[in-house]
Amino acid sequence: MLGNIAIISSGLTLDQQRLEASAHNTANLNTRPSAVLRSEAREGVQGGVEGGMVAGEGPADPVVESVEQITLSHQATALKKTLQTQSDMVGQLLALEA
């Protein structure tokens, strides 16, 4: 059950990387030439996800970057709620054992 916390944590870490890439792309919208950054995700060895930054193709699209940032905000909120629920469940189980 505690493994779920590691999975949620890896998701939050990946979201942070994706947000950093989007922030870079947004900051460099008017800078030519500028490498567009993307965050690629893959399944982690111990579960969860791992990510890394890679150079993307073409110029950054401000609409795509805005949607990415809004999506990441909602995803981080959902992961936070999942983490809180997991914490509450563990607390209840420990209370039952006491």
C-alpha atoms as a PDB file:
ATOM      1  CA  MET A   1       0.000   0.000   0.000  1.00  0.00           C
ATOM      2  CA  LEU A   2       2.867   2.388   0.724  1.00  0.00           C
ATOM      3  CA  GLY A   3       4.195   1.669  -2.768  1.00  0.00           C
ATOM      4  CA  ASN A   4       1.335   3.788  -4.059  1.00  0.00           C
ATOM      5  CA  ILE A   5       2.931   6.820  -2.421  1.00  0.00           C
ATOM      6  CA  ALA A   6       6.106   6.249  -4.453  1.00  0.00           C
ATOM      7  CA  ILE A   7       4.043   5.979  -7.635  1.00  0.00           C
ATOM      8  CA  ILE A   8       2.201   9.216  -6.859  1.00  0.00           C
ATOM      9  CA  SER A   9       5.514  10.897  -6.052  1.00  0.00           C
ATOM     10  CA  SER A  10       6.990   9.825  -9.381  1.00  0.00           C
ATOM     11  CA  GLY A  11       3.943  11.266 -11.149  1.00  0.00           C
ATOM     12  CA  LEU A  12       4.404  14.595  -9.378  1.00  0.00           C
ATOM     13  CA  THR A  13       8.104  14.611 -10.286  1.00  0.00           C
ATOM     14  CA  LEU A  14       7.269  13.978 -13.936  1.00  0.00           C
ATOM     15  CA  ASP A  15       4.671  16.754 -13.849  1.00  0.00           C
ATOM     16  CA  GLN A  16       7.342  19.112 -12.520  1.00  0.00           C
ATOM     17  CA  GLN A  17       9.655  18.185 -15.415  1.00  0.00           C
ATOM     18  CA  ARG A  18       6.842  18.716 -17.910  1.00  0.00           C
ATOM     19  CA  LEU A  19       6.079  22.113 -16.371  1.00  0.00           C
ATOM     20  CA  GLU A  20       9.755  23.116 -16.546  1.00  0.00           C
ATOM     21  CA  ALA A  21       9.829  22.173 -20.245  1.00  0.00           C
ATOM     22  CA  SER A  22       6.644  24.131 -20.931  1.00  0.00           C
ATOM     23  CA  ALA A  23       7.961  27.148 -19.001  1.00  0.00           C
ATOM     24  CA  HIS A  24      11.172  27.037 -21.054  1.00  0.00           C
ATOM     25  CA  ASN A  25       9.179  26.875 -24.276  1.00  0.00           C
ATOM     26  CA  THR A  26       6.894  29.732 -23.224  1.00  0.00           C
ATOM     27  CA  ALA A  27       9.814  31.929 -22.155  1.00  0.00           C
ATOM     28  CA  ASN A  28      11.497  31.397 -25.521  1.00  0.00           C
ATOM     29  CA  LEU A  29       8.474  31.838 -27.814  1.00  0.00           C
ATOM     30  CA  ASN A  30       9.985  34.932 -29.449  1.00  0.00           C
ATOM     31  CA  THR A  31      13.570  33.695 -29.424  1.00  0.00           C
ATOM     32  CA  ARG A  32      14.754  32.218 -32.691  1.00  0.00           C
ATOM     33  CA  PRO A  33      16.313  29.755 -32.955  1.00  0.00           C
ATOM     34  CA  SER A  34      15.394  28.102 -29.694  1.00  0.00           C
ATOM     35  CA  ALA A  35      15.214  24.416 -28.941  1.00  0.00           C
ATOM     36  CA  VAL A  36      11.768  23.262 -27.902  1.00  0.00           C
ATOM     37  CA  LEU A  37      11.899  20.960 -24.881  1.00  0.00           C
ATOM     38  CA  ARG A  38       9.627  18.004 -24.257  1.00  0.00           C
ATOM     39  CA  SER A  39       9.477  15.635 -21.338  1.00  0.00           C
ATOM     40  CA  GLU A  40       9.260  11.965 -22.278  1.00  0.00           C
ATOM     41  CA  ALA A  41       7.815   9.487 -19.810  1.00  0.00           C
ATOM     42  CA  ARG A  42       8.438   5.773 -19.472  1.00  0.00           C
ATOM     43  CA  GLU A  43       7.497   3.108 -16.988  1.00  0.00           C
ATOM     44  CA  GLY A  44       9.817   3.048 -14.002  1.00  0.00           C
ATOM     45  CA  VAL A  45      11.759  -0.049 -12.997  1.00  0.00           C
ATOM     46  CA  GLN A  46      10.191  -0.084  -9.518  1.00  0.00           C
ATOM     47  CA  GLY A  47       6.795   1.086 -10.791  1.00  0.00           C
ATOM     48  CA  GLY A  48       5.609   4.595 -11.346  1.00  0.00           C
ATOM     49  CA  VAL A  49       7.049   6.727 -14.115  1.00  0.00           C
ATOM     50  CA  GLU A  50      10.424   8.164 -15.034  1.00  0.00           C
ATOM     51  CA  GLY A  51      10.994  11.072 -17.343  1.00  0.00           C
ATOM     52  CA  GLY A  52      13.666  12.928 -19.177  1.00  0.00           C
ATOM     53  CA  MET A  53      13.981  16.083 -21.242  1.00  0.00           C
ATOM     54  CA  VAL A  54      14.435  15.795 -24.996  1.00  0.00           C
ATOM     55  CA  ALA A  55      14.611  18.343 -27.786  1.00  0.00           C
ATOM     56  CA  GLY A  56      11.334  18.651 -29.648  1.00  0.00           C
ATOM     57  CA  GLU A  57      10.603  19.474 -33.267  1.00  0.00           C
ATOM     58  CA  GLY A  58       9.666  22.865 -34.649  1.00  0.00           C
ATOM     59  CA  PRO A  59       8.799  26.078 -32.854  1.00  0.00           C
ATOM     60  CA  ALA A  60       6.779  26.134 -29.651  1.00  0.00           C
ATOM     61  CA  ASP A  61       3.048  26.752 -30.020  1.00  0.00           C
ATOM     62  CA  PRO A  62       1.672  29.135 -27.376  1.00  0.00           C
ATOM     63  CA  VAL A  63      -1.729  27.394 -27.396  1.00  0.00           C
ATOM     64  CA  VAL A  64      -0.156  23.972 -26.858  1.00  0.00           C
ATOM     65  CA  GLU A  65       1.978  25.327 -24.023  1.00  0.00           C
ATOM     66  CA  SER A  66      -1.041  26.984 -22.362  1.00  0.00           C
ATOM     67  CA  VAL A  67      -3.050  23.767 -22.555  1.00  0.00           C
ATOM     68  CA  GLU A  68      -0.072  21.820 -21.172  1.00  0.00           C
ATOM     69  CA  GLN A  69       0.206  24.152 -18.180  1.00  0.00           C
ATOM     70  CA  ILE A  70      -3.533  24.006 -17.441  1.00  0.00           C
ATOM     71  CA  THR A  71      -3.521  20.209 -17.768  1.00  0.00           C
ATOM     72  CA  LEU A  72      -0.548  19.906 -15.426  1.00  0.00           C
ATOM     73  CA  SER A  73      -2.279  22.068 -12.837  1.00  0.00           C
ATOM     74  CA  HIS A  74      -5.328  19.800 -12.839  1.00  0.00           C
ATOM     75  CA  GLN A  75      -3.206  16.655 -12.843  1.00  0.00           C
ATOM     76  CA  ALA A  76      -1.154  17.855  -9.863  1.00  0.00           C
ATOM     77  CA  THR A  77      -4.376  18.614  -7.976  1.00  0.00           C
ATOM     78  CA  ALA A  78      -5.684  15.116  -8.717  1.00  0.00           C
ATOM     79  CA  LEU A  79      -2.418  13.514  -7.583  1.00  0.00           C
ATOM     80  CA  LYS A  80      -2.485  15.597  -4.401  1.00  0.00           C
ATOM     81  CA  LYS A  81      -6.014  14.388  -3.638  1.00  0.00           C
ATOM     82  CA  THR A  82      -4.954  10.803  -4.345  1.00  0.00           C
ATOM     83  CA  LEU A  83      -2.018  11.183  -1.968  1.00  0.00           C
ATOM     84  CA  GLN A  84      -4.292  12.627   0.732  1.00  0.00           C
ATOM     85  CA  THR A  85      -6.737   9.726   0.316  1.00  0.00           C
ATOM     86  CA  GLN A  86      -3.866   7.236   0.552  1.00  0.00           C
ATOM     87  CA  SER A  87      -2.599   8.943   3.696  1.00  0.00           C
ATOM     88  CA  ASP A  88      -6.080   8.900   5.241  1.00  0.00           C
ATOM     89  CA  MET A  89      -6.447   5.177   4.481  1.00  0.00           C
ATOM     90  CA  VAL A  90      -3.104   4.352   6.091  1.00  0.00           C
ATOM     91  CA  GLY A  91      -4.082   6.443   9.123  1.00  0.00           C
ATOM     92  CA  GLN A  92      -7.364   4.562   9.461  1.00  0.00           C
ATOM     93  CA  LEU A  93      -5.615   1.191   9.179  1.00  0.00           C
ATOM     94  CA  LEU A  94      -3.094   2.176  11.836  1.00  0.00           C
ATOM     95  CA  ALA A  95      -5.933   3.343  14.094  1.00  0.00           C
ATOM     96  CA  LEU A  96      -7.610  -0.062  13.696  1.00  0.00           C
ATOM     97  CA  GLU A  97      -4.397  -1.818  14.724  1.00  0.00           C
ATOM     98  CA  ALA A  98      -4.030   0.292  17.875  1.00  0.00           C
END
